[in-house]
N, C-alpha and C. Protein backbone atom coordinates (compact mmCIF):
# COMPACT_ATOMS: atom_id res chain seq x y z
N MET A 1 -0.53 -28.77 14.28
CA MET A 1 -1.64 -29.45 14.17
C MET A 1 -2.26 -29.54 15.74
N GLY A 2 -3.37 -29.63 15.63
CA GLY A 2 -4.18 -29.44 17.06
C GLY A 2 -4.04 -30.62 17.84
N ASN A 3 -4.39 -30.81 19.27
CA ASN A 3 -4.53 -31.78 19.72
C ASN A 3 -5.93 -32.76 19.83
N ALA A 4 -6.27 -33.78 20.31
CA ALA A 4 -7.53 -34.20 20.07
C ALA A 4 -8.76 -33.53 21.19
N THR A 5 -8.10 -33.05 21.78
CA THR A 5 -9.24 -32.00 22.60
C THR A 5 -9.67 -30.76 21.97
N ASP A 6 -8.63 -30.08 20.87
CA ASP A 6 -8.87 -29.05 20.50
C ASP A 6 -10.05 -28.93 19.44
N MET A 7 -11.03 -28.79 19.52
CA MET A 7 -12.69 -29.24 18.86
C MET A 7 -12.53 -27.97 18.04
N ARG A 8 -12.07 -26.85 17.83
CA ARG A 8 -12.06 -25.83 16.75
C ARG A 8 -11.62 -26.20 15.35
N ILE A 9 -12.27 -25.39 14.49
CA ILE A 9 -12.20 -25.59 13.11
C ILE A 9 -10.97 -25.55 12.39
N GLN A 10 -10.07 -26.44 12.07
CA GLN A 10 -8.98 -25.74 11.31
C GLN A 10 -8.66 -25.04 9.75
N VAL A 11 -7.93 -23.89 10.39
CA VAL A 11 -8.16 -23.34 9.11
C VAL A 11 -6.38 -23.07 8.19
N LEU A 12 -6.88 -23.44 6.86
CA LEU A 12 -5.82 -23.89 5.89
C LEU A 12 -5.65 -22.33 4.84
N PHE A 13 -4.66 -22.01 4.55
CA PHE A 13 -4.49 -21.19 3.40
C PHE A 13 -3.88 -21.74 2.16
N GLY A 14 -4.74 -21.73 1.01
CA GLY A 14 -4.62 -22.20 -0.33
C GLY A 14 -4.57 -23.37 -0.45
N GLY A 15 -4.64 -24.00 -1.56
CA GLY A 15 -4.51 -25.34 -1.96
C GLY A 15 -6.07 -25.58 -2.42
N LEU A 16 -6.21 -26.83 -3.01
CA LEU A 16 -7.75 -27.50 -3.19
C LEU A 16 -8.64 -27.86 -2.35
N PRO A 17 -9.44 -27.37 -2.16
CA PRO A 17 -10.29 -27.88 -0.90
C PRO A 17 -11.12 -29.23 -1.25
N GLY A 18 -11.06 -30.04 -0.24
CA GLY A 18 -11.96 -31.11 -0.25
C GLY A 18 -13.33 -31.25 -0.34
N ALA A 19 -13.71 -32.67 -0.54
CA ALA A 19 -15.31 -32.12 -0.52
C ALA A 19 -16.02 -31.85 0.86
N GLU A 20 -15.22 -32.30 1.82
CA GLU A 20 -15.86 -31.96 3.07
C GLU A 20 -15.40 -30.70 3.74
N ASP A 21 -14.78 -29.86 2.95
CA ASP A 21 -14.08 -28.50 3.66
C ASP A 21 -14.88 -27.68 3.05
N ALA A 22 -15.24 -26.53 3.94
CA ALA A 22 -15.67 -25.03 3.88
C ALA A 22 -14.89 -24.22 3.07
N VAL A 23 -15.49 -23.12 2.43
CA VAL A 23 -14.31 -22.48 2.07
C VAL A 23 -14.51 -21.00 1.81
N LEU A 24 -13.32 -20.31 2.48
CA LEU A 24 -13.95 -18.87 2.55
C LEU A 24 -12.84 -18.06 1.51
N VAL A 25 -13.52 -17.19 0.40
CA VAL A 25 -13.25 -16.97 -0.78
C VAL A 25 -13.16 -15.30 -0.64
N GLU A 26 -12.07 -14.77 -0.95
CA GLU A 26 -12.16 -13.25 -1.24
C GLU A 26 -12.55 -12.85 -2.48
N GLU A 27 -13.47 -11.83 -2.31
CA GLU A 27 -14.30 -10.94 -3.07
C GLU A 27 -13.32 -10.87 -4.42
N GLY A 28 -13.53 -11.18 -5.75
CA GLY A 28 -12.74 -11.21 -6.85
C GLY A 28 -11.75 -12.36 -7.24
N LEU A 29 -12.17 -13.45 -6.49
CA LEU A 29 -11.47 -14.81 -6.99
C LEU A 29 -12.83 -15.63 -7.09
N ASP A 30 -12.45 -16.29 -8.01
CA ASP A 30 -13.50 -17.76 -8.45
C ASP A 30 -13.66 -18.83 -7.35
N PRO A 31 -14.83 -19.01 -7.09
CA PRO A 31 -15.18 -20.05 -5.75
C PRO A 31 -14.88 -21.21 -6.66
N PRO A 32 -14.61 -22.58 -5.20
CA PRO A 32 -14.54 -23.69 -6.05
C PRO A 32 -15.69 -24.19 -6.49
N GLN A 33 -15.76 -25.24 -7.42
CA GLN A 33 -16.86 -25.97 -8.22
C GLN A 33 -17.44 -26.83 -6.86
N GLN A 34 -16.62 -27.10 -6.12
CA GLN A 34 -17.68 -28.07 -5.06
C GLN A 34 -17.60 -27.26 -3.36
N GLY A 35 -18.18 -27.89 -2.99
CA GLY A 35 -18.19 -27.58 -1.33
C GLY A 35 -18.89 -25.89 -1.19
N TYR A 36 -19.11 -25.86 0.33
CA TYR A 36 -19.60 -25.03 0.69
C TYR A 36 -18.53 -23.44 0.76
N ALA A 37 -18.92 -22.48 0.03
CA ALA A 37 -18.15 -21.12 0.01
C ALA A 37 -19.07 -20.04 0.68
N VAL A 38 -18.34 -19.28 1.31
CA VAL A 38 -18.64 -17.83 1.56
C VAL A 38 -17.70 -16.85 1.26
N ARG A 39 -17.94 -15.61 0.85
CA ARG A 39 -17.07 -14.47 0.43
C ARG A 39 -16.77 -13.99 1.54
N PHE A 40 -15.68 -12.62 1.28
CA PHE A 40 -15.55 -12.12 2.24
C PHE A 40 -14.78 -10.81 1.49
N ALA A 41 -14.75 -9.66 1.48
CA ALA A 41 -14.18 -8.31 1.09
C ALA A 41 -13.20 -8.08 2.04
N LEU A 42 -12.14 -7.28 1.75
CA LEU A 42 -11.38 -6.59 2.65
C LEU A 42 -12.14 -5.16 2.92
N ALA A 43 -11.52 -4.93 4.47
CA ALA A 43 -12.17 -3.59 4.77
C ALA A 43 -11.42 -2.42 4.41
N LYS A 44 -12.46 -1.55 4.24
CA LYS A 44 -12.00 -0.16 3.56
C LYS A 44 -11.35 0.63 4.37
N PRO A 45 -9.71 1.05 3.66
CA PRO A 45 -8.90 1.64 4.71
C PRO A 45 -9.83 2.69 5.50
N GLY A 46 -9.60 2.75 6.69
CA GLY A 46 -9.96 4.12 7.41
C GLY A 46 -11.47 3.94 7.68
N HIS A 47 -12.09 2.98 7.48
CA HIS A 47 -13.59 2.73 7.64
C HIS A 47 -13.73 1.56 8.77
N PHE A 48 -14.48 2.34 10.05
CA PHE A 48 -14.48 1.31 11.02
C PHE A 48 -15.91 1.54 11.59
N PRO A 49 -17.12 0.82 11.15
CA PRO A 49 -18.28 0.60 11.56
C PRO A 49 -18.46 0.56 13.13
N GLY A 50 -19.53 0.94 13.48
CA GLY A 50 -19.88 0.81 15.17
C GLY A 50 -19.50 2.00 15.62
N CYS A 51 -19.53 1.79 17.22
CA CYS A 51 -19.46 2.74 18.21
C CYS A 51 -17.89 2.91 18.66
N PHE A 52 -17.79 3.92 19.29
CA PHE A 52 -16.46 3.46 19.77
C PHE A 52 -16.07 3.01 21.01
N CYS A 53 -17.29 2.36 21.90
CA CYS A 53 -16.78 1.45 23.08
C CYS A 53 -16.48 -0.08 22.38
N CYS A 54 -17.47 -0.06 21.46
CA CYS A 54 -17.26 -1.52 21.06
C CYS A 54 -16.45 -1.75 19.81
N PRO A 55 -15.37 -2.23 19.84
CA PRO A 55 -14.42 -2.38 18.13
C PRO A 55 -15.34 -3.50 17.15
N PRO A 56 -15.45 -2.71 15.94
CA PRO A 56 -16.17 -3.59 15.22
C PRO A 56 -15.44 -5.11 14.74
N ARG A 57 -16.23 -5.87 14.58
CA ARG A 57 -15.91 -7.28 13.90
C ARG A 57 -15.19 -7.34 12.61
N GLY A 58 -15.71 -6.73 11.73
CA GLY A 58 -15.01 -6.51 10.67
C GLY A 58 -16.01 -7.68 9.29
N PRO A 59 -15.37 -7.36 8.15
CA PRO A 59 -16.00 -8.11 7.29
C PRO A 59 -15.87 -9.72 7.40
N ILE A 60 -14.47 -9.98 7.79
CA ILE A 60 -13.70 -11.24 7.85
C ILE A 60 -14.39 -12.21 9.00
N ALA A 61 -14.62 -11.56 9.95
CA ALA A 61 -14.97 -11.99 11.29
C ALA A 61 -16.44 -12.51 11.48
N THR A 62 -17.38 -11.45 10.73
CA THR A 62 -18.60 -11.46 10.06
C THR A 62 -18.80 -13.11 9.29
N ALA A 63 -17.91 -12.75 8.31
CA ALA A 63 -18.09 -14.03 7.46
C ALA A 63 -17.65 -15.56 8.20
N LEU A 64 -16.60 -15.41 8.87
CA LEU A 64 -16.36 -16.70 9.64
C LEU A 64 -17.90 -16.92 10.84
N GLY A 65 -18.06 -15.95 11.41
CA GLY A 65 -19.33 -16.17 12.14
C GLY A 65 -20.26 -16.62 11.14
N GLN A 66 -20.70 -16.21 10.11
CA GLN A 66 -21.87 -17.22 9.37
C GLN A 66 -21.57 -18.52 8.81
N LEU A 67 -20.54 -18.66 8.68
CA LEU A 67 -19.96 -20.06 8.38
C LEU A 67 -20.02 -20.78 9.43
N PHE A 68 -19.70 -20.47 10.84
CA PHE A 68 -19.76 -21.46 12.02
C PHE A 68 -21.31 -21.21 12.13
N ARG A 69 -22.01 -20.39 11.83
CA ARG A 69 -23.58 -20.63 12.67
C ARG A 69 -24.25 -21.50 11.27
N ASP A 70 -23.60 -21.56 10.02
CA ASP A 70 -23.97 -22.53 9.02
C ASP A 70 -23.91 -23.92 9.14
N ARG A 71 -22.63 -24.16 9.92
CA ARG A 71 -22.60 -25.19 10.14
C ARG A 71 -23.47 -25.67 11.44
N ALA A 72 -23.57 -24.82 12.72
CA ALA A 72 -24.18 -25.30 13.64
C ALA A 72 -25.81 -25.18 13.51
N THR A 73 -26.02 -25.05 12.57
CA THR A 73 -27.75 -25.43 12.08
C THR A 73 -27.60 -25.76 10.93
N GLY A 74 -26.85 -26.47 10.45
CA GLY A 74 -27.25 -27.64 9.46
C GLY A 74 -27.26 -27.22 8.02
N LYS A 75 -27.24 -25.69 8.01
CA LYS A 75 -27.23 -25.26 6.71
C LYS A 75 -26.32 -25.53 5.66
N THR A 76 -25.20 -25.88 6.48
CA THR A 76 -24.02 -26.47 5.46
C THR A 76 -23.60 -27.85 5.97
N PRO A 77 -23.19 -28.78 5.21
CA PRO A 77 -22.88 -30.14 5.88
C PRO A 77 -21.46 -29.75 7.15
N PHE A 78 -21.56 -30.81 7.83
CA PHE A 78 -20.74 -30.13 9.03
C PHE A 78 -19.13 -30.24 8.28
N PHE A 79 -18.43 -29.55 8.86
CA PHE A 79 -16.90 -29.50 8.01
C PHE A 79 -16.10 -29.11 9.43
N LYS A 80 -14.67 -30.12 9.39
CA LYS A 80 -13.75 -29.92 9.93
C LYS A 80 -12.56 -28.80 9.95
N ARG A 81 -12.78 -28.59 8.39
CA ARG A 81 -11.48 -27.72 7.84
C ARG A 81 -12.10 -26.53 7.42
N LEU A 82 -11.64 -25.40 7.35
CA LEU A 82 -11.96 -24.28 6.20
C LEU A 82 -10.44 -23.90 5.65
N VAL A 83 -10.97 -23.95 4.30
CA VAL A 83 -9.93 -23.74 3.30
C VAL A 83 -10.09 -22.04 3.09
N VAL A 84 -8.77 -21.09 2.88
CA VAL A 84 -8.83 -19.97 2.67
C VAL A 84 -8.43 -19.30 1.30
N LEU A 85 -9.24 -19.09 0.29
CA LEU A 85 -8.77 -18.89 -0.93
C LEU A 85 -8.60 -17.07 -1.24
N ALA A 86 -7.21 -16.76 -1.22
CA ALA A 86 -7.30 -15.39 -0.96
C ALA A 86 -6.05 -14.72 -1.43
N SER A 87 -5.81 -13.68 -2.03
CA SER A 87 -4.87 -12.48 -2.28
C SER A 87 -3.65 -12.92 -0.79
N PRO A 88 -2.40 -12.36 -1.39
CA PRO A 88 -1.47 -12.09 0.00
C PRO A 88 -2.35 -11.38 1.07
N ALA A 89 -2.79 -10.21 0.43
CA ALA A 89 -3.22 -9.33 1.39
C ALA A 89 -4.60 -9.59 2.08
N GLY A 90 -5.25 -10.49 1.23
CA GLY A 90 -6.52 -11.12 1.88
C GLY A 90 -6.39 -12.39 3.16
N GLU A 91 -5.12 -12.98 2.75
CA GLU A 91 -4.58 -13.87 3.74
C GLU A 91 -4.01 -13.35 4.96
N ALA A 92 -3.59 -12.29 4.82
CA ALA A 92 -3.02 -11.31 6.17
C ALA A 92 -4.27 -10.89 6.95
N ALA A 93 -4.99 -10.09 5.82
CA ALA A 93 -6.38 -9.78 6.67
C ALA A 93 -6.99 -10.69 7.76
N VAL A 94 -6.89 -12.34 7.30
CA VAL A 94 -7.82 -13.03 7.95
C VAL A 94 -7.10 -13.36 8.97
N ARG A 95 -5.46 -13.61 8.74
CA ARG A 95 -4.61 -13.88 10.14
C ARG A 95 -5.11 -12.98 11.32
N GLU A 96 -4.97 -11.56 10.74
CA GLU A 96 -5.57 -10.56 11.84
C GLU A 96 -6.59 -10.50 12.24
N ALA A 97 -7.60 -10.84 11.64
CA ALA A 97 -9.04 -11.21 12.18
C ALA A 97 -9.11 -12.32 13.18
N MET A 98 -8.31 -13.22 12.72
CA MET A 98 -8.33 -14.54 13.63
C MET A 98 -7.52 -14.15 14.86
N ALA A 99 -6.62 -13.30 14.78
CA ALA A 99 -5.72 -12.86 16.31
C ALA A 99 -6.49 -12.06 16.78
N GLY A 100 -7.32 -11.04 16.31
CA GLY A 100 -8.13 -9.99 17.06
C GLY A 100 -9.46 -10.15 17.30
N ASP A 101 -10.02 -11.20 17.13
CA ASP A 101 -11.53 -11.17 17.77
C ASP A 101 -11.32 -12.60 18.50
N VAL A 102 -11.98 -12.50 19.28
CA VAL A 102 -12.05 -13.66 20.58
C VAL A 102 -12.89 -14.57 20.13
N VAL A 103 -14.17 -14.18 19.62
CA VAL A 103 -15.28 -15.22 19.16
C VAL A 103 -14.67 -15.67 18.29
N THR A 104 -13.85 -15.42 17.28
CA THR A 104 -12.97 -15.99 16.07
C THR A 104 -12.19 -17.20 16.67
N GLN A 105 -11.43 -16.91 17.81
CA GLN A 105 -10.36 -17.57 18.32
C GLN A 105 -10.93 -18.38 18.89
N ALA A 106 -11.81 -18.76 19.49
CA ALA A 106 -12.81 -20.03 19.95
C ALA A 106 -13.16 -20.52 18.95
N ARG A 107 -13.53 -20.32 17.93
CA ARG A 107 -14.19 -21.30 17.16
C ARG A 107 -13.06 -21.82 15.96
N TYR A 108 -11.91 -21.06 15.64
CA TYR A 108 -11.40 -21.57 14.53
C TYR A 108 -9.87 -21.35 15.21
N ARG A 109 -8.98 -22.39 14.47
CA ARG A 109 -7.40 -22.30 14.77
C ARG A 109 -6.84 -22.60 13.70
N LEU A 110 -5.30 -21.92 13.57
CA LEU A 110 -4.63 -21.77 12.23
C LEU A 110 -3.76 -23.20 12.44
């Protein structure tokens, strides 16, 4: 659990999202009936878009960025938690994206 000064969005894996949670759903899984959900797809093996000097953010970091922008601009209701609904491989990919992307680390916490 974070401390009171950590304003990043808490990320939880699995479980039922609450009415005030946002949801990140892996492609192929059913989204919840309520709440704001954004889908993500796993990156294709060996596929790295972008140039060689700039590491690509990838589909998960892009989806997390979209969620954050939607929250900041009022497109979605304000949420303090993000529930990830994904396969074990999807969960591992989300953890990897969070660990490897400094922008995502600044906005979200495990």
